[in-house]
C-alpha atoms as a PDB file:
ATOM      1  CA  UNK A   1       0.000   0.000   0.000  1.00  0.00           C
ATOM      2  CA  UNK A   2       2.864   2.390   0.807  1.00  0.00           C
ATOM      3  CA  UNK A   3       4.354   1.821  -2.645  1.00  0.00           C
ATOM      4  CA  UNK A   4       1.013   2.758  -4.221  1.00  0.00           C
ATOM      5  CA  UNK A   5       0.821   5.959  -2.135  1.00  0.00           C
ATOM      6  CA  UNK A   6       4.410   6.832  -3.085  1.00  0.00           C
ATOM      7  CA  UNK A   7       3.633   6.295  -6.778  1.00  0.00           C
ATOM      8  CA  UNK A   8       0.513   8.432  -6.494  1.00  0.00           C
ATOM      9  CA  UNK A   9       2.534  11.173  -4.775  1.00  0.00           C
ATOM     10  CA  UNK A  10       5.208  11.070  -7.502  1.00  0.00           C
ATOM     11  CA  UNK A  11       2.504  11.138 -10.201  1.00  0.00           C
ATOM     12  CA  UNK A  12       0.840  14.164  -8.571  1.00  0.00           C
ATOM     13  CA  UNK A  13       4.166  16.000  -8.337  1.00  0.00           C
ATOM     14  CA  UNK A  14       4.967  15.216 -11.990  1.00  0.00           C
ATOM     15  CA  UNK A  15       1.559  16.556 -13.069  1.00  0.00           C
ATOM     16  CA  UNK A  16       2.158  19.764 -11.085  1.00  0.00           C
ATOM     17  CA  UNK A  17       5.584  20.184 -12.703  1.00  0.00           C
ATOM     18  CA  UNK A  18       4.109  19.543 -16.163  1.00  0.00           C
ATOM     19  CA  UNK A  19       1.543  22.263 -15.547  1.00  0.00           C
ATOM     20  CA  UNK A  20       4.217  24.744 -14.437  1.00  0.00           C
ATOM     21  CA  UNK A  21       6.369  23.949 -17.477  1.00  0.00           C
ATOM     22  CA  UNK A  22       3.400  24.261 -19.845  1.00  0.00           C
ATOM     23  CA  UNK A  23       2.580  27.700 -18.431  1.00  0.00           C
ATOM     24  CA  UNK A  24       6.227  28.772 -18.774  1.00  0.00           C
ATOM     25  CA  UNK A  25       6.393  27.578 -22.383  1.00  0.00           C
ATOM     26  CA  UNK A  26       3.184  29.480 -23.174  1.00  0.00           C
ATOM     27  CA  UNK A  27       4.641  32.687 -21.692  1.00  0.00           C
ATOM     28  CA  UNK A  28       7.873  32.250 -23.692  1.00  0.00           C
ATOM     29  CA  UNK A  29       5.866  31.716 -26.890  1.00  0.00           C
ATOM     30  CA  UNK A  30       3.835  34.866 -26.163  1.00  0.00           C
ATOM     31  CA  UNK A  31       7.041  36.836 -25.558  1.00  0.00           C
ATOM     32  CA  UNK A  32       8.553  35.559 -28.819  1.00  0.00           C
ATOM     33  CA  UNK A  33       5.396  36.526 -30.684  1.00  0.00           C
ATOM     34  CA  UNK A  34       5.478  40.004 -29.144  1.00  0.00           C
ATOM     35  CA  UNK A  35       9.155  40.467 -30.027  1.00  0.00           C
ATOM     36  CA  UNK A  36       8.528  39.348 -33.605  1.00  0.00           C
ATOM     37  CA  UNK A  37       5.749  41.909 -33.958  1.00  0.00           C
ATOM     38  CA  UNK A  38       8.020  44.822 -32.965  1.00  0.00           C
ATOM     39  CA  UNK A  39       9.176  47.264 -35.602  1.00  0.00           C
ATOM     40  CA  UNK A  40      12.921  46.666 -35.694  1.00  0.00           C
ATOM     41  CA  UNK A  41      13.648  49.395 -38.229  1.00  0.00           C
ATOM     42  CA  UNK A  42      16.702  51.310 -36.978  1.00  0.00           C
ATOM     43  CA  UNK A  43      16.012  54.833 -35.899  1.00  0.00           C
ATOM     44  CA  UNK A  44      17.511  57.465 -38.123  1.00  0.00           C
ATOM     45  CA  UNK A  45      18.607  60.583 -36.334  1.00  0.00           C
ATOM     46  CA  UNK A  46      18.783  63.671 -38.479  1.00  0.00           C
ATOM     47  CA  UNK A  47      22.172  65.301 -38.154  1.00  0.00           C
ATOM     48  CA  UNK A  48      22.257  69.110 -38.236  1.00  0.00           C
ATOM     49  CA  UNK A  49      24.490  69.168 -41.321  1.00  0.00           C
ATOM     50  CA  UNK A  50      23.208  72.637 -42.206  1.00  0.00           C
ATOM     51  CA  UNK A  51      25.524  73.948 -39.453  1.00  0.00           C
ATOM     52  CA  UNK A  52      28.607  72.841 -41.394  1.00  0.00           C
ATOM     53  CA  UNK A  53      30.632  75.200 -43.529  1.00  0.00           C
ATOM     54  CA  UNK A  54      31.022  74.425 -47.229  1.00  0.00           C
ATOM     55  CA  UNK A  55      34.488  72.918 -46.599  1.00  0.00           C
ATOM     56  CA  UNK A  56      33.261  70.877 -43.614  1.00  0.00           C
ATOM     57  CA  UNK A  57      30.370  69.540 -45.696  1.00  0.00           C
ATOM     58  CA  UNK A  58      32.791  68.565 -48.440  1.00  0.00           C
ATOM     59  CA  UNK A  59      35.062  66.767 -45.970  1.00  0.00           C
ATOM     60  CA  UNK A  60      32.122  65.136 -44.190  1.00  0.00           C
ATOM     61  CA  UNK A  61      30.942  63.656 -47.500  1.00  0.00           C
ATOM     62  CA  UNK A  62      34.467  62.476 -48.301  1.00  0.00           C
ATOM     63  CA  UNK A  63      34.751  60.778 -44.906  1.00  0.00           C
ATOM     64  CA  UNK A  64      32.006  58.455 -46.112  1.00  0.00           C
ATOM     65  CA  UNK A  65      34.344  56.841 -48.636  1.00  0.00           C
ATOM     66  CA  UNK A  66      37.904  58.038 -48.012  1.00  0.00           C
ATOM     67  CA  UNK A  67      40.438  57.972 -45.187  1.00  0.00           C
ATOM     68  CA  UNK A  68      41.764  61.175 -43.647  1.00  0.00           C
ATOM     69  CA  UNK A  69      45.069  60.653 -45.437  1.00  0.00           C
ATOM     70  CA  UNK A  70      43.308  60.188 -48.799  1.00  0.00           C
ATOM     71  CA  UNK A  71      41.271  63.350 -48.206  1.00  0.00           C
ATOM     72  CA  UNK A  72      44.396  65.317 -47.299  1.00  0.00           C
ATOM     73  CA  UNK A  73      46.084  64.222 -50.540  1.00  0.00           C
ATOM     74  CA  UNK A  74      43.009  64.961 -52.636  1.00  0.00           C
ATOM     75  CA  UNK A  75      42.562  68.449 -51.143  1.00  0.00           C
ATOM     76  CA  UNK A  76      46.267  69.217 -50.851  1.00  0.00           C
ATOM     77  CA  UNK A  77      45.950  69.842 -47.091  1.00  0.00           C
ATOM     78  CA  UNK A  78      47.771  68.287 -44.163  1.00  0.00           C
ATOM     79  CA  UNK A  79      46.368  65.342 -42.236  1.00  0.00           C
ATOM     80  CA  UNK A  80      46.285  67.629 -39.184  1.00  0.00           C
ATOM     81  CA  UNK A  81      44.091  70.132 -41.035  1.00  0.00           C
ATOM     82  CA  UNK A  82      41.636  67.393 -42.063  1.00  0.00           C
ATOM     83  CA  UNK A  83      41.568  66.095 -38.476  1.00  0.00           C
ATOM     84  CA  UNK A  84      40.831  69.637 -37.262  1.00  0.00           C
ATOM     85  CA  UNK A  85      37.945  69.865 -39.729  1.00  0.00           C
ATOM     86  CA  UNK A  86      36.663  66.493 -38.529  1.00  0.00           C
ATOM     87  CA  UNK A  87      36.848  67.718 -34.936  1.00  0.00           C
ATOM     88  CA  UNK A  88      34.830  70.823 -35.869  1.00  0.00           C
ATOM     89  CA  UNK A  89      32.299  68.597 -37.645  1.00  0.00           C
ATOM     90  CA  UNK A  90      32.111  66.368 -34.540  1.00  0.00           C
ATOM     91  CA  UNK A  91      31.304  69.350 -32.345  1.00  0.00           C
ATOM     92  CA  UNK A  92      28.701  70.818 -34.688  1.00  0.00           C
ATOM     93  CA  UNK A  93      26.960  67.466 -35.176  1.00  0.00           C
ATOM     94  CA  UNK A  94      27.144  66.756 -31.432  1.00  0.00           C
ATOM     95  CA  UNK A  95      28.887  63.419 -31.929  1.00  0.00           C
ATOM     96  CA  UNK A  96      31.091  61.818 -29.291  1.00  0.00           C
ATOM     97  CA  UNK A  97      34.224  60.909 -31.242  1.00  0.00           C
ATOM     98  CA  UNK A  98      35.939  61.338 -34.573  1.00  0.00           C
ATOM     99  CA  UNK A  99      35.101  57.722 -35.324  1.00  0.00           C
ATOM    100  CA  UNK A 100      31.430  58.589 -34.808  1.00  0.00           C
ATOM    101  CA  UNK A 101      31.857  61.273 -37.493  1.00  0.00           C
ATOM    102  CA  UNK A 102      33.371  58.675 -39.829  1.00  0.00           C
ATOM    103  CA  UNK A 103      30.539  56.218 -39.117  1.00  0.00           C
ATOM    104  CA  UNK A 104      27.870  58.867 -39.677  1.00  0.00           C
ATOM    105  CA  UNK A 105      29.499  59.917 -42.950  1.00  0.00           C
ATOM    106  CA  UNK A 106      29.740  56.296 -44.118  1.00  0.00           C
ATOM    107  CA  UNK A 107      26.122  55.708 -43.201  1.00  0.00           C
ATOM    108  CA  UNK A 108      24.973  58.810 -45.037  1.00  0.00           C
ATOM    109  CA  UNK A 109      27.344  58.860 -48.021  1.00  0.00           C
ATOM    110  CA  UNK A 110      29.273  55.560 -48.079  1.00  0.00           C
END
C-alpha cells in the first residue's frame, strides 16, 4: 500500500511540474510573438548638417568613402588640417568621437 501511495505522490508532483512547465512555455511563446511583432527598423537621427561650412560639408561627404590621409592628398591639405575639420564637424553634429563622425558619414554617403 505504501508503494502505491508513493507512486501516487510522484505522479501528482509530476503533473504539477508539467503544468508549471506548460505555463512557462506558453509565456515564452507569447514573448517571442510580441518580439517578432516589434518594428525593428533602426532609428535614423537627423544630423544638423546645415551647421557645417562648405568645406566641412565637403570633408564630411568624403569621410564616407575616403580615409583622412586620402582626403588630405586629394585636397592638398595636411592630415592635421583634415583632423581639425573632422573635430569641428564632430562638435557641430554633437557626436562623441571622430570615429562617430566617420561612421555617420559612411552611413549617409558611403
